[in-house]
Amino acid sequence: MKNTIIYFIAFCIVISSFSLLGGEATPQLKAVEQMYSVLLKKDFASFYTDWCHPCLKEQIDKQHFIKWMQSNKGKAVIALYTEIIKAINNNSDQDVLITRLEEIKDEYEFILVKIKAKSYTERAGAQWHLELQRHEDKWKLKDTD
């Protein structure tokens, strides 16, 4: 029952996540929503295969990625996705969430401003930055901080 409620809430978040541009979700937001649904299912193996950019795969193999995502550090990454989608749903201003194309072609980032402003110690492991890069015409996770 608990999992059903969690999946229902996640479904509602995904359905209601739209950008301010004409009510249409951007390709980057759609990718984040799809990634988030896989993370909520804790299907870290398929997340690695389908959603990790080759740059990230060069840094960590699938087995280590799965273990990492099962740790507190992985929970912080899932919380990052949750907070980004929540900020978008709330139509938050740039004092909460910054979304932008990066200077490097085909890179996009989401920045949680209030978490970034805290010192490393104050963050207590919380993530503040999600970076995507397009690979083979699909937005994929490149990095988090």
C-alpha atoms as a PDB file:
ATOM      1  CA  MET A   1       0.000   0.000   0.000  1.00  0.00           C
ATOM      2  CA  LYS A   2       2.802   2.400   0.935  1.00  0.00           C
ATOM      3  CA  ASN A   3       4.533   1.863  -2.446  1.00  0.00           C
ATOM      4  CA  THR A   4       1.236   2.424  -4.256  1.00  0.00           C
ATOM      5  CA  ILE A   5       0.815   5.772  -2.533  1.00  0.00           C
ATOM      6  CA  ILE A   6       4.400   6.780  -3.338  1.00  0.00           C
ATOM      7  CA  TYR A   7       3.966   5.845  -7.007  1.00  0.00           C
ATOM      8  CA  PHE A   8       0.651   7.714  -7.157  1.00  0.00           C
ATOM      9  CA  ILE A   9       2.242  10.845  -5.694  1.00  0.00           C
ATOM     10  CA  ALA A  10       5.143  10.552  -8.139  1.00  0.00           C
ATOM     11  CA  PHE A  11       2.673  10.122 -10.998  1.00  0.00           C
ATOM     12  CA  CYS A  12       0.821  13.277  -9.908  1.00  0.00           C
ATOM     13  CA  ILE A  13       4.083  15.203  -9.731  1.00  0.00           C
ATOM     14  CA  VAL A  14       5.087  14.066 -13.210  1.00  0.00           C
ATOM     15  CA  ILE A  15       1.671  14.830 -14.706  1.00  0.00           C
ATOM     16  CA  SER A  16       1.595  18.328 -13.231  1.00  0.00           C
ATOM     17  CA  SER A  17       5.191  19.281 -14.130  1.00  0.00           C
ATOM     18  CA  PHE A  18       5.030  21.828 -16.909  1.00  0.00           C
ATOM     19  CA  SER A  19       7.220  24.729 -17.865  1.00  0.00           C
ATOM     20  CA  LEU A  20       5.860  28.239 -18.012  1.00  0.00           C
ATOM     21  CA  LEU A  21       6.379  28.289 -21.771  1.00  0.00           C
ATOM     22  CA  GLY A  22       2.942  27.578 -23.184  1.00  0.00           C
ATOM     23  CA  GLY A  23       2.188  24.878 -20.620  1.00  0.00           C
ATOM     24  CA  GLU A  24       4.412  22.423 -22.468  1.00  0.00           C
ATOM     25  CA  ALA A  25       7.120  20.503 -20.666  1.00  0.00           C
ATOM     26  CA  THR A  26      10.561  21.123 -22.136  1.00  0.00           C
ATOM     27  CA  PRO A  27      12.559  18.124 -23.427  1.00  0.00           C
ATOM     28  CA  GLN A  28      14.911  18.514 -20.461  1.00  0.00           C
ATOM     29  CA  LEU A  29      12.047  18.482 -17.954  1.00  0.00           C
ATOM     30  CA  LYS A  30      10.470  15.475 -19.660  1.00  0.00           C
ATOM     31  CA  ALA A  31      13.806  13.669 -19.323  1.00  0.00           C
ATOM     32  CA  VAL A  32      14.054  14.577 -15.627  1.00  0.00           C
ATOM     33  CA  GLU A  33      10.502  13.323 -15.048  1.00  0.00           C
ATOM     34  CA  GLN A  34      11.240  10.038 -16.801  1.00  0.00           C
ATOM     35  CA  MET A  35      14.497   9.601 -14.885  1.00  0.00           C
ATOM     36  CA  TYR A  36      12.690  10.350 -11.635  1.00  0.00           C
ATOM     37  CA  SER A  37      10.057   7.681 -12.252  1.00  0.00           C
ATOM     38  CA  VAL A  38      12.806   5.078 -12.727  1.00  0.00           C
ATOM     39  CA  LEU A  39      14.620   6.258  -9.597  1.00  0.00           C
ATOM     40  CA  LEU A  40      11.452   5.994  -7.517  1.00  0.00           C
ATOM     41  CA  LYS A  41      11.137   2.358  -8.575  1.00  0.00           C
ATOM     42  CA  LYS A  42      14.759   1.892  -7.412  1.00  0.00           C
ATOM     43  CA  ASP A  43      15.563   0.354 -10.786  1.00  0.00           C
ATOM     44  CA  PHE A  44      19.101   1.670 -10.703  1.00  0.00           C
ATOM     45  CA  ALA A  45      20.382  -0.862 -13.252  1.00  0.00           C
ATOM     46  CA  SER A  46      18.035   0.339 -15.989  1.00  0.00           C
ATOM     47  CA  PHE A  47      18.605   3.961 -14.944  1.00  0.00           C
ATOM     48  CA  TYR A  48      22.331   3.416 -15.496  1.00  0.00           C
ATOM     49  CA  THR A  49      21.766   1.766 -18.872  1.00  0.00           C
ATOM     50  CA  ASP A  50      19.140   4.179 -20.194  1.00  0.00           C
ATOM     51  CA  TRP A  51      19.779   7.525 -18.492  1.00  0.00           C
ATOM     52  CA  CYS A  52      23.477   7.871 -17.628  1.00  0.00           C
ATOM     53  CA  HIS A  53      25.547   9.870 -20.102  1.00  0.00           C
ATOM     54  CA  PRO A  54      28.714   8.158 -21.390  1.00  0.00           C
ATOM     55  CA  CYS A  55      30.816  10.722 -19.433  1.00  0.00           C
ATOM     56  CA  LEU A  56      29.262   9.440 -16.212  1.00  0.00           C
ATOM     57  CA  LYS A  57      29.647   5.816 -17.295  1.00  0.00           C
ATOM     58  CA  GLU A  58      33.364   6.434 -17.800  1.00  0.00           C
ATOM     59  CA  GLN A  59      33.594   7.386 -14.112  1.00  0.00           C
ATOM     60  CA  ILE A  60      31.596   4.527 -12.584  1.00  0.00           C
ATOM     61  CA  ASP A  61      30.530   1.055 -13.697  1.00  0.00           C
ATOM     62  CA  LYS A  62      27.016  -0.329 -13.307  1.00  0.00           C
ATOM     63  CA  GLN A  63      27.669  -2.389 -10.134  1.00  0.00           C
ATOM     64  CA  HIS A  64      29.263   0.534  -8.306  1.00  0.00           C
ATOM     65  CA  PHE A  65      26.528   2.878  -9.526  1.00  0.00           C
ATOM     66  CA  ILE A  66      23.830   0.601  -8.109  1.00  0.00           C
ATOM     67  CA  LYS A  67      25.599   0.382  -4.733  1.00  0.00           C
ATOM     68  CA  TRP A  68      26.138   4.138  -4.720  1.00  0.00           C
ATOM     69  CA  MET A  69      22.461   4.809  -5.464  1.00  0.00           C
ATOM     70  CA  GLN A  70      21.455   2.498  -2.603  1.00  0.00           C
ATOM     71  CA  SER A  71      23.592   4.541  -0.200  1.00  0.00           C
ATOM     72  CA  ASN A  72      22.790   7.852   1.474  1.00  0.00           C
ATOM     73  CA  LYS A  73      24.525   9.618  -1.413  1.00  0.00           C
ATOM     74  CA  GLY A  74      22.083   8.025  -3.832  1.00  0.00           C
ATOM     75  CA  LYS A  75      19.171   9.046  -1.633  1.00  0.00           C
ATOM     76  CA  ALA A  76      20.466  12.616  -1.870  1.00  0.00           C
ATOM     77  CA  VAL A  77      20.360  12.384  -5.678  1.00  0.00           C
ATOM     78  CA  ILE A  78      16.757  11.178  -5.583  1.00  0.00           C
ATOM     79  CA  ALA A  79      15.935  14.046  -3.215  1.00  0.00           C
ATOM     80  CA  LEU A  80      17.531  16.435  -5.735  1.00  0.00           C
ATOM     81  CA  TYR A  81      15.158  15.223  -8.457  1.00  0.00           C
ATOM     82  CA  THR A  82      12.235  15.533  -6.025  1.00  0.00           C
ATOM     83  CA  GLU A  83      13.115  19.136  -5.140  1.00  0.00           C
ATOM     84  CA  ILE A  84      13.633  20.151  -8.773  1.00  0.00           C
ATOM     85  CA  ILE A  85      10.241  18.803  -9.825  1.00  0.00           C
ATOM     86  CA  LYS A  86       8.613  20.340  -6.752  1.00  0.00           C
ATOM     87  CA  ALA A  87      10.137  23.758  -7.573  1.00  0.00           C
ATOM     88  CA  ILE A  88       8.890  23.531 -11.151  1.00  0.00           C
ATOM     89  CA  ASN A  89       5.405  22.506 -10.013  1.00  0.00           C
ATOM     90  CA  ASN A  90       5.333  25.484  -7.675  1.00  0.00           C
ATOM     91  CA  ASN A  91       6.395  27.829 -10.508  1.00  0.00           C
ATOM     92  CA  SER A  92       9.278  28.868  -8.280  1.00  0.00           C
ATOM     93  CA  ASP A  93      11.263  31.970  -9.062  1.00  0.00           C
ATOM     94  CA  GLN A  94      14.985  32.044  -9.738  1.00  0.00           C
ATOM     95  CA  ASP A  95      15.612  32.524  -6.037  1.00  0.00           C
ATOM     96  CA  VAL A  96      14.621  28.843  -5.665  1.00  0.00           C
ATOM     97  CA  LEU A  97      15.468  27.160  -8.991  1.00  0.00           C
ATOM     98  CA  ILE A  98      17.571  28.205 -11.943  1.00  0.00           C
ATOM     99  CA  THR A  99      17.231  26.233 -15.191  1.00  0.00           C
ATOM    100  CA  ARG A 100      19.402  27.064 -18.146  1.00  0.00           C
ATOM    101  CA  LEU A 101      21.310  25.881 -21.160  1.00  0.00           C
ATOM    102  CA  GLU A 102      25.009  25.813 -20.456  1.00  0.00           C
ATOM    103  CA  GLU A 103      27.664  27.400 -22.617  1.00  0.00           C
ATOM    104  CA  ILE A 104      28.728  23.986 -23.886  1.00  0.00           C
ATOM    105  CA  LYS A 105      26.394  22.845 -26.633  1.00  0.00           C
ATOM    106  CA  ASP A 106      23.666  20.393 -25.652  1.00  0.00           C
ATOM    107  CA  GLU A 107      24.169  20.757 -21.886  1.00  0.00           C
ATOM    108  CA  TYR A 108      21.442  21.862 -19.498  1.00  0.00           C
ATOM    109  CA  GLU A 109      21.455  22.426 -15.769  1.00  0.00           C
ATOM    110  CA  PHE A 110      19.074  22.747 -12.855  1.00  0.00           C
ATOM    111  CA  ILE A 111      20.350  24.609  -9.778  1.00  0.00           C
ATOM    112  CA  LEU A 112      18.606  24.650  -6.397  1.00  0.00           C
ATOM    113  CA  VAL A 113      19.700  28.113  -5.293  1.00  0.00           C
ATOM    114  CA  LYS A 114      18.963  27.905  -1.571  1.00  0.00           C
ATOM    115  CA  ILE A 115      20.888  24.658  -1.162  1.00  0.00           C
ATOM    116  CA  LYS A 116      23.809  25.925  -3.261  1.00  0.00           C
ATOM    117  CA  ALA A 117      24.051  29.024  -1.067  1.00  0.00           C
ATOM    118  CA  LYS A 118      24.728  26.912   2.014  1.00  0.00           C
ATOM    119  CA  SER A 119      28.231  25.906   3.028  1.00  0.00           C
ATOM    120  CA  TYR A 120      29.350  22.343   2.378  1.00  0.00           C
ATOM    121  CA  THR A 121      28.859  21.532   6.057  1.00  0.00           C
ATOM    122  CA  GLU A 122      25.394  23.100   6.170  1.00  0.00           C
ATOM    123  CA  ARG A 123      24.314  21.080   3.121  1.00  0.00           C
ATOM    124  CA  ALA A 124      24.958  17.851   5.039  1.00  0.00           C
ATOM    125  CA  GLY A 125      25.220  15.878   1.821  1.00  0.00           C
ATOM    126  CA  ALA A 126      22.284  17.527   0.060  1.00  0.00           C
ATOM    127  CA  GLN A 127      22.684  17.882  -3.697  1.00  0.00           C
ATOM    128  CA  TRP A 128      22.064  21.244  -5.390  1.00  0.00           C
ATOM    129  CA  HIS A 129      22.991  20.817  -9.074  1.00  0.00           C
ATOM    130  CA  LEU A 130      21.739  18.469 -11.795  1.00  0.00           C
ATOM    131  CA  GLU A 131      23.467  18.537 -15.162  1.00  0.00           C
ATOM    132  CA  LEU A 132      22.132  16.907 -18.309  1.00  0.00           C
ATOM    133  CA  GLN A 133      23.784  16.452 -21.670  1.00  0.00           C
ATOM    134  CA  ARG A 134      22.200  15.286 -24.869  1.00  0.00           C
ATOM    135  CA  HIS A 135      23.540  12.004 -26.232  1.00  0.00           C
ATOM    136  CA  GLU A 136      22.100  10.305 -29.304  1.00  0.00           C
ATOM    137  CA  ASP A 137      19.186  12.771 -29.272  1.00  0.00           C
ATOM    138  CA  LYS A 138      18.255  12.013 -25.643  1.00  0.00           C
ATOM    139  CA  TRP A 139      18.910  14.131 -22.523  1.00  0.00           C
ATOM    140  CA  LYS A 140      20.912  12.079 -20.001  1.00  0.00           C
ATOM    141  CA  LEU A 141      22.363  12.564 -16.545  1.00  0.00           C
ATOM    142  CA  LYS A 142      25.914  13.852 -16.751  1.00  0.00           C
ATOM    143  CA  ASP A 143      26.633  15.056 -13.215  1.00  0.00           C
ATOM    144  CA  THR A 144      25.242  16.122  -9.855  1.00  0.00           C
ATOM    145  CA  ASP A 145      26.711  18.177  -7.040  1.00  0.00           C
END
